Amino acid sequence: MKHLGKMFHRLFLIAIMIASGLATNGTASVPDNCTPSEGSSCQAYTVLGRPEEFTTSSTGVKLAVRRWIPEEIKSVVVFHHGAAGWHTGCSEIMGNALRNAGIAVIAYDTVGSGYSDALQGGMRNYFDSIDTLTADFTKILRDVRSEYPEKKVFALGESFGCMVLLTQILQEQENGKEDGSLADGYIFSGPVVKVLPEMLPPKPVIKVLNFVSRFFPLLKMPGTDFFSTFDLAFGDKGWAQAGRNDPMIQEAATIPPRLGMAASILTNMDKMYDSLGDIRVPFKIFLGENESRVDVSAVKHLARVAKSTDKEIEIVEGGFHQLFQDRANVTAFVCDCIAAWISARS
């Protein structure tokens, strides 16, 4: 039982780190032809409260929606936030920056996160399967295409949200349907692609935990200090404090992950990683130079093996994991580059 407890604890840590990112570093310089916008600032540390708009998920759950809409729309982005309590209320600067570039941003809080309702049973910060999240994204994407039929629609993910988008791409490519269920291009910011090998329990242990999760999917996993490494994700520590103060993120810190959710993440991640070479959609990756929350080698593997003919990876000088909550010049640079990438393909 003692060893089993240690295994559960390690799997819990993996679930937390998947939700907020993992570890290593990479370096490069900011391209000379892409510079930050003049006068932009991240110093307001704005975390928005409950939005006025809601939509329904693929299973009928009420999801909170936010929009940043320019007067003249050139193209549209659907944004998928990260996990660990993160929600779209933290995305005001990114939303405004893209709106100012003529790009409409439509973002939603995932099921059980932020201001969205929970799945049946009311468990917050819980999903039963990655498939639930990918189905919700596909539904939102189709809804947005119906709303803006003449516009190109792109997908933007951050951290764990990128894992959801990568899984969604592979699922929809396998379906082989030309029904608008794939975006016209994908942007990944600090993507979680794979857990570092040293963080994983032995494979036989993972098999045991997966087996146990079939019978006890709602089993609570041992607690840990959620905020012990929280600040490492932020280049601007004012944003780290704003996150700590947000009631939705505080809520996530008090809720232990469930075994079934953690097992679903690990199982999906292995399958997804083995299939990265099948990805054919256009994409661009952004990684902070000071990235300490994701496995950078796995992200570079994605950029290397994907069959996409239009693919790029950008290591952002001075950047950290949460690039949309970084220092003003870093966030402005990333948003400018995203806008330029989208505009060139619209």
Protein backbone atom coordinates (compact mmCIF):
# COMPACT_ATOMS: atom_id res chain seq x y z
CA MET A 1 0.00 0.00 0.00
CA LYS A 2 2.90 2.33 0.76
CA HIS A 3 4.30 1.87 -2.75
CA LEU A 4 0.86 2.26 -4.29
CA GLY A 5 0.43 5.53 -2.42
CA LYS A 6 3.71 6.80 -3.87
CA MET A 7 2.54 5.82 -7.34
CA PHE A 8 -0.72 7.71 -6.90
CA HIS A 9 1.17 10.73 -5.62
CA ARG A 10 3.49 10.72 -8.62
CA LEU A 11 0.57 10.38 -11.02
CA PHE A 12 -1.11 13.29 -9.24
CA LEU A 13 1.99 15.43 -9.77
CA ILE A 14 1.97 14.49 -13.43
CA ALA A 15 -1.68 15.52 -13.72
CA ILE A 16 -0.92 18.88 -12.13
CA MET A 17 2.12 19.45 -14.33
CA ILE A 18 0.25 18.41 -17.46
CA ALA A 19 -2.41 20.93 -16.55
CA SER A 20 0.05 23.77 -16.08
CA GLY A 21 3.08 22.50 -18.05
CA LEU A 22 6.37 20.57 -17.45
CA ALA A 23 10.19 21.24 -17.79
CA THR A 24 13.27 22.13 -19.94
CA ASN A 25 14.74 25.08 -21.82
CA GLY A 26 15.50 26.36 -25.34
CA THR A 27 17.08 29.49 -26.79
CA ALA A 28 16.94 31.64 -29.91
CA SER A 29 16.56 35.30 -30.76
CA VAL A 30 13.56 37.37 -31.77
CA PRO A 31 13.49 37.85 -35.57
CA ASP A 32 14.46 41.34 -36.72
CA ASN A 33 11.40 41.63 -38.96
CA CYS A 34 8.84 41.14 -36.18
CA THR A 35 8.83 43.75 -33.42
CA PRO A 36 6.49 44.43 -30.49
CA SER A 37 3.74 47.03 -30.83
CA GLU A 38 4.50 50.49 -29.50
CA GLY A 39 2.97 51.41 -26.15
CA SER A 40 1.34 48.10 -25.27
CA SER A 41 1.31 47.23 -21.57
CA CYS A 42 0.61 44.18 -19.42
CA GLN A 43 0.68 46.06 -16.14
CA ALA A 44 -3.10 46.13 -15.55
CA TYR A 45 -3.11 42.39 -14.67
CA THR A 46 -6.76 42.21 -15.65
CA VAL A 47 -8.58 38.96 -14.86
CA LEU A 48 -12.15 39.26 -16.08
CA GLY A 49 -15.16 38.04 -14.10
CA ARG A 50 -18.31 36.28 -15.20
CA PRO A 51 -19.15 36.93 -18.88
CA GLU A 52 -22.62 37.63 -20.23
CA GLU A 53 -22.57 35.12 -23.09
CA PHE A 54 -22.93 31.34 -22.80
CA THR A 55 -23.24 28.49 -25.28
CA THR A 56 -23.77 24.73 -24.98
CA SER A 57 -21.12 22.03 -25.16
CA SER A 58 -21.32 18.81 -27.18
CA THR A 59 -23.09 17.23 -24.19
CA GLY A 60 -25.39 20.15 -23.43
CA VAL A 61 -23.33 21.73 -20.63
CA LYS A 62 -23.42 25.55 -20.41
CA LEU A 63 -20.06 27.06 -21.40
CA ALA A 64 -18.95 30.65 -20.74
CA VAL A 65 -17.95 32.60 -23.88
CA ARG A 66 -15.94 35.79 -24.40
CA ARG A 67 -15.48 37.74 -27.62
CA TRP A 68 -13.10 40.41 -28.84
CA ILE A 69 -14.61 41.59 -32.13
CA PRO A 70 -13.15 44.32 -34.40
CA GLU A 71 -15.36 46.63 -36.43
CA GLU A 72 -14.02 45.11 -39.65
CA ILE A 73 -13.26 41.40 -39.32
CA LYS A 74 -10.42 40.00 -41.44
CA SER A 75 -10.37 36.53 -39.88
CA VAL A 76 -11.46 34.67 -36.75
CA VAL A 77 -9.65 32.78 -33.97
CA VAL A 78 -11.14 30.21 -31.59
CA PHE A 79 -9.09 30.14 -28.38
CA HIS A 80 -8.64 27.12 -26.08
CA HIS A 81 -7.12 28.03 -22.70
CA GLY A 82 -4.85 25.91 -20.51
CA ALA A 83 -5.88 23.92 -17.44
CA ALA A 84 -5.12 24.04 -13.69
CA GLY A 85 -7.96 26.50 -13.13
CA TRP A 86 -6.97 28.75 -16.00
CA HIS A 87 -9.84 30.36 -17.91
CA THR A 88 -10.55 32.91 -20.64
CA GLY A 89 -10.84 35.76 -18.16
CA CYS A 90 -7.02 35.82 -18.17
CA SER A 91 -6.87 36.55 -21.91
CA GLU A 92 -7.89 40.20 -22.16
CA ILE A 93 -4.53 41.48 -23.44
CA MET A 94 -4.25 38.81 -26.14
CA GLY A 95 -7.87 39.33 -27.17
CA ASN A 96 -7.48 43.09 -27.45
CA ALA A 97 -4.20 42.80 -29.37
CA LEU A 98 -5.67 40.50 -32.01
CA ARG A 99 -8.87 42.54 -32.22
CA ASN A 100 -6.77 45.64 -32.90
CA ALA A 101 -5.21 43.71 -35.81
CA GLY A 102 -8.65 43.00 -37.29
CA ILE A 103 -8.88 39.44 -35.97
CA ALA A 104 -11.99 38.38 -34.07
CA VAL A 105 -11.27 36.22 -31.01
CA ILE A 106 -13.87 33.85 -29.62
CA ALA A 107 -12.87 32.04 -26.43
CA TYR A 108 -14.71 29.73 -24.06
CA ASP A 109 -14.12 28.25 -20.63
CA THR A 110 -13.87 24.48 -20.87
CA VAL A 111 -16.36 22.29 -19.04
CA GLY A 112 -15.97 22.62 -15.27
CA SER A 113 -13.44 25.46 -15.59
CA GLY A 114 -13.79 29.20 -15.08
CA TYR A 115 -17.41 30.28 -15.38
CA SER A 116 -18.63 27.23 -17.31
CA ASP A 117 -20.88 24.63 -15.72
CA ALA A 118 -19.54 21.25 -14.67
CA LEU A 119 -20.40 17.85 -16.10
CA GLN A 120 -23.27 15.88 -14.63
CA GLY A 121 -22.59 15.51 -10.93
CA GLY A 122 -21.25 19.04 -10.59
CA MET A 123 -17.54 18.25 -10.16
CA ARG A 124 -15.47 21.36 -10.86
CA ASN A 125 -12.17 21.21 -12.77
CA TYR A 126 -13.02 17.72 -13.95
CA PHE A 127 -13.56 16.07 -17.32
CA ASP A 128 -14.21 12.39 -17.88
CA SER A 129 -12.15 12.06 -21.06
CA ILE A 130 -10.02 14.07 -23.47
CA ASP A 131 -12.66 13.14 -26.05
CA THR A 132 -15.14 15.34 -24.19
CA LEU A 133 -12.84 18.35 -24.63
CA THR A 134 -12.11 17.66 -28.30
CA ALA A 135 -15.81 17.18 -29.07
CA ASP A 136 -16.57 20.51 -27.40
CA PHE A 137 -13.88 22.29 -29.41
CA THR A 138 -15.12 20.78 -32.67
CA LYS A 139 -18.67 21.93 -31.89
CA ILE A 140 -17.53 25.48 -31.06
CA LEU A 141 -15.40 25.58 -34.23
CA ARG A 142 -18.34 24.52 -36.39
CA ASP A 143 -20.60 27.06 -34.69
CA VAL A 144 -18.08 29.82 -35.40
CA ARG A 145 -17.76 28.76 -39.04
CA SER A 146 -21.54 28.97 -39.37
CA GLU A 147 -21.50 32.43 -37.82
CA TYR A 148 -18.68 33.69 -40.07
CA PRO A 149 -19.04 31.62 -43.27
CA GLU A 150 -16.93 33.97 -45.41
CA LYS A 151 -13.97 34.15 -43.02
CA LYS A 152 -10.98 31.94 -42.38
CA VAL A 153 -11.17 30.42 -38.90
CA PHE A 154 -8.00 29.60 -36.95
CA ALA A 155 -7.39 27.81 -33.64
CA LEU A 156 -5.16 29.10 -30.83
CA GLY A 157 -4.22 26.98 -27.83
CA GLU A 158 -2.08 27.51 -24.76
CA SER A 159 -0.35 24.87 -22.64
CA PHE A 160 -2.68 21.90 -21.99
CA GLY A 161 -5.12 23.42 -24.48
CA CYS A 162 -2.60 22.59 -27.21
CA MET A 163 -2.78 18.91 -26.28
CA VAL A 164 -6.53 19.09 -26.77
CA LEU A 165 -6.09 20.76 -30.17
CA LEU A 166 -3.46 18.26 -31.32
CA THR A 167 -5.76 15.40 -30.35
CA GLN A 168 -8.67 17.08 -32.13
CA ILE A 169 -6.58 17.46 -35.30
CA LEU A 170 -5.67 13.77 -35.33
CA GLN A 171 -9.27 12.69 -34.65
CA GLU A 172 -10.75 14.86 -37.40
CA GLN A 173 -8.06 13.92 -39.92
CA GLU A 174 -8.85 10.28 -39.23
CA ASN A 175 -12.55 10.96 -39.78
CA GLY A 176 -11.62 12.26 -43.23
CA LYS A 177 -14.65 14.55 -43.49
CA GLU A 178 -14.54 17.94 -45.23
CA ASP A 179 -17.16 19.38 -42.90
CA GLY A 180 -15.36 22.38 -41.42
CA SER A 181 -14.29 20.47 -38.31
CA LEU A 182 -10.63 21.44 -38.79
CA ALA A 183 -9.40 25.01 -38.44
CA ASP A 184 -7.60 26.75 -41.33
CA GLY A 185 -4.46 26.89 -39.19
CA TYR A 186 -3.37 26.21 -35.62
CA ILE A 187 -1.21 28.26 -33.24
CA PHE A 188 0.31 26.56 -30.19
CA SER A 189 1.65 28.61 -27.26
CA GLY A 190 3.78 26.66 -24.77
CA PRO A 191 2.23 23.36 -25.87
CA VAL A 192 2.12 20.35 -23.57
CA VAL A 193 3.04 17.45 -25.86
CA LYS A 194 4.59 14.81 -23.60
CA VAL A 195 5.56 14.21 -19.98
CA LEU A 196 9.28 14.10 -19.22
CA PRO A 197 10.38 10.43 -18.90
CA GLU A 198 11.83 10.95 -15.41
CA MET A 199 8.40 12.06 -14.19
CA LEU A 200 6.63 8.89 -15.27
CA PRO A 201 6.10 5.79 -13.14
CA PRO A 202 7.32 2.52 -14.73
CA LYS A 203 5.08 1.32 -17.58
CA PRO A 204 3.75 -1.68 -15.61
CA VAL A 205 2.64 0.73 -12.88
CA ILE A 206 0.84 2.93 -15.41
CA LYS A 207 -0.98 -0.15 -16.70
CA VAL A 208 -2.10 -0.99 -13.16
CA LEU A 209 -3.31 2.55 -12.56
CA ASN A 210 -5.19 2.57 -15.87
CA PHE A 211 -6.85 -0.70 -14.87
CA VAL A 212 -7.83 0.64 -11.44
CA SER A 213 -9.21 3.82 -13.02
CA ARG A 214 -11.77 1.78 -14.97
CA PHE A 215 -13.43 0.76 -11.72
CA PHE A 216 -12.69 3.84 -9.62
CA PRO A 217 -12.48 6.77 -12.08
CA LEU A 218 -13.58 9.28 -9.45
CA LEU A 219 -11.01 8.20 -6.88
CA LYS A 220 -9.35 11.30 -5.42
CA MET A 221 -5.59 11.47 -5.74
CA PRO A 222 -3.24 12.62 -2.95
CA GLY A 223 -2.93 16.36 -2.49
CA THR A 224 0.13 18.51 -3.10
CA ASP A 225 1.06 22.20 -3.00
CA PHE A 226 -0.58 23.49 -6.17
CA PHE A 227 1.15 26.88 -5.97
CA SER A 228 4.67 25.66 -5.12
CA THR A 229 5.92 26.12 -8.70
CA PHE A 230 3.12 28.34 -9.99
CA ASP A 231 5.26 31.50 -10.35
CA LEU A 232 7.78 29.77 -12.64
CA ALA A 233 5.31 29.99 -15.51
CA PHE A 234 5.27 33.81 -15.55
CA GLY A 235 7.79 36.32 -16.85
CA ASP A 236 5.86 39.04 -15.02
CA LYS A 237 5.28 38.00 -11.40
CA GLY A 238 2.42 40.47 -11.16
CA TRP A 239 0.47 38.05 -13.35
CA ALA A 240 1.39 35.18 -11.03
CA GLN A 241 -0.09 37.11 -8.12
CA ALA A 242 -3.19 37.98 -10.16
CA GLY A 243 -3.65 34.27 -10.84
CA ARG A 244 -3.26 33.41 -7.17
CA ASN A 245 -5.90 36.00 -6.30
CA ASP A 246 -8.45 34.79 -8.86
CA PRO A 247 -11.28 32.80 -7.24
CA MET A 248 -11.51 30.31 -10.09
CA ILE A 249 -7.80 29.47 -9.94
CA GLN A 250 -7.95 29.34 -6.13
CA GLU A 251 -10.82 26.87 -6.48
CA ALA A 252 -8.71 24.61 -8.70
CA ALA A 253 -5.97 24.59 -6.06
CA THR A 254 -8.34 23.00 -3.54
CA ILE A 255 -9.73 20.24 -5.77
CA PRO A 256 -7.65 17.04 -6.08
CA PRO A 257 -7.59 15.46 -9.57
CA ARG A 258 -9.48 12.23 -10.10
CA LEU A 259 -7.71 9.04 -11.09
CA GLY A 260 -9.80 8.53 -14.24
CA MET A 261 -9.00 12.01 -15.53
CA ALA A 262 -5.26 11.60 -14.96
CA ALA A 263 -5.25 8.16 -16.59
CA SER A 264 -7.17 9.52 -19.58
CA ILE A 265 -4.61 12.29 -20.04
CA LEU A 266 -1.63 9.90 -19.94
CA THR A 267 -3.25 7.33 -22.23
CA ASN A 268 -4.23 9.97 -24.76
CA MET A 269 -0.83 11.65 -24.60
CA ASP A 270 1.04 8.48 -25.55
CA LYS A 271 -1.32 7.79 -28.45
CA MET A 272 -1.13 11.41 -29.61
CA TYR A 273 2.67 11.56 -29.41
CA ASP A 274 3.03 8.40 -31.49
CA SER A 275 0.80 9.96 -34.18
CA LEU A 276 2.37 13.44 -34.44
CA GLY A 277 3.90 12.50 -37.78
CA ASP A 278 0.38 12.27 -39.22
CA ILE A 279 -0.46 15.93 -38.61
CA ARG A 280 -1.00 17.76 -41.91
CA VAL A 281 -2.56 21.10 -40.95
CA PRO A 282 -0.69 24.45 -41.04
CA PHE A 283 0.65 25.41 -37.61
CA LYS A 284 3.02 27.69 -35.74
CA ILE A 285 4.51 27.02 -32.29
CA PHE A 286 5.64 29.63 -29.76
CA LEU A 287 7.98 28.67 -26.89
CA GLY A 288 9.51 31.00 -24.35
CA GLU A 289 13.30 31.10 -24.10
CA ASN A 290 12.86 30.55 -20.34
CA GLU A 291 10.26 27.81 -20.72
CA SER A 292 10.29 25.65 -17.59
CA ARG A 293 6.89 23.95 -17.75
CA VAL A 294 6.89 21.80 -20.89
CA ASP A 295 9.12 19.18 -22.49
CA VAL A 296 10.75 21.30 -25.20
CA SER A 297 12.33 18.28 -26.90
CA ALA A 298 8.85 16.81 -27.45
CA VAL A 299 7.62 20.10 -28.91
CA LYS A 300 10.58 20.22 -31.29
CA HIS A 301 9.79 16.61 -32.22
CA LEU A 302 6.30 17.76 -33.25
CA ALA A 303 7.77 20.49 -35.45
CA ARG A 304 10.21 18.03 -37.00
CA VAL A 305 7.99 15.03 -37.77
CA ALA A 306 4.62 16.60 -38.68
CA LYS A 307 3.74 16.15 -42.37
CA SER A 308 2.48 19.74 -42.55
CA THR A 309 4.05 21.68 -45.41
CA ASP A 310 3.37 24.94 -43.57
CA LYS A 311 4.89 24.69 -40.10
CA GLU A 312 7.07 26.94 -37.93
CA ILE A 313 8.52 26.99 -34.43
CA GLU A 314 9.49 30.24 -32.69
CA ILE A 315 11.60 30.41 -29.53
CA VAL A 316 10.70 33.76 -27.99
CA GLU A 317 13.59 35.69 -26.48
CA GLY A 318 12.96 36.46 -22.81
CA GLY A 319 9.65 34.58 -22.81
CA PHE A 320 8.28 32.21 -20.16
CA HIS A 321 5.50 29.61 -20.28
CA GLN A 322 2.49 31.94 -20.03
CA LEU A 323 3.33 34.10 -23.04
CA PHE A 324 0.01 35.95 -22.88
CA GLN A 325 0.75 36.91 -19.26
CA ASP A 326 4.42 37.78 -19.70
CA ARG A 327 6.24 41.11 -19.64
CA ALA A 328 4.66 43.75 -21.86
CA ASN A 329 7.19 43.58 -24.67
CA VAL A 330 7.14 39.77 -24.80
CA THR A 331 3.35 39.48 -24.91
CA ALA A 332 3.14 42.24 -27.52
CA PHE A 333 5.76 40.51 -29.66
CA VAL A 334 3.94 37.17 -29.54
CA CYS A 335 0.56 38.74 -30.30
CA ASP A 336 2.05 40.70 -33.22
CA CYS A 337 3.59 37.54 -34.65
CA ILE A 338 0.33 35.60 -34.27
CA ALA A 339 -1.55 38.39 -36.05
CA ALA A 340 1.03 38.45 -38.84
CA TRP A 341 0.90 34.66 -39.27
CA ILE A 342 -2.90 34.64 -39.43
CA SER A 343 -3.10 37.66 -41.74
CA ALA A 344 -0.67 36.04 -44.19
CA ARG A 345 -3.04 33.05 -44.44
CA SER A 346 -6.38 34.87 -44.52
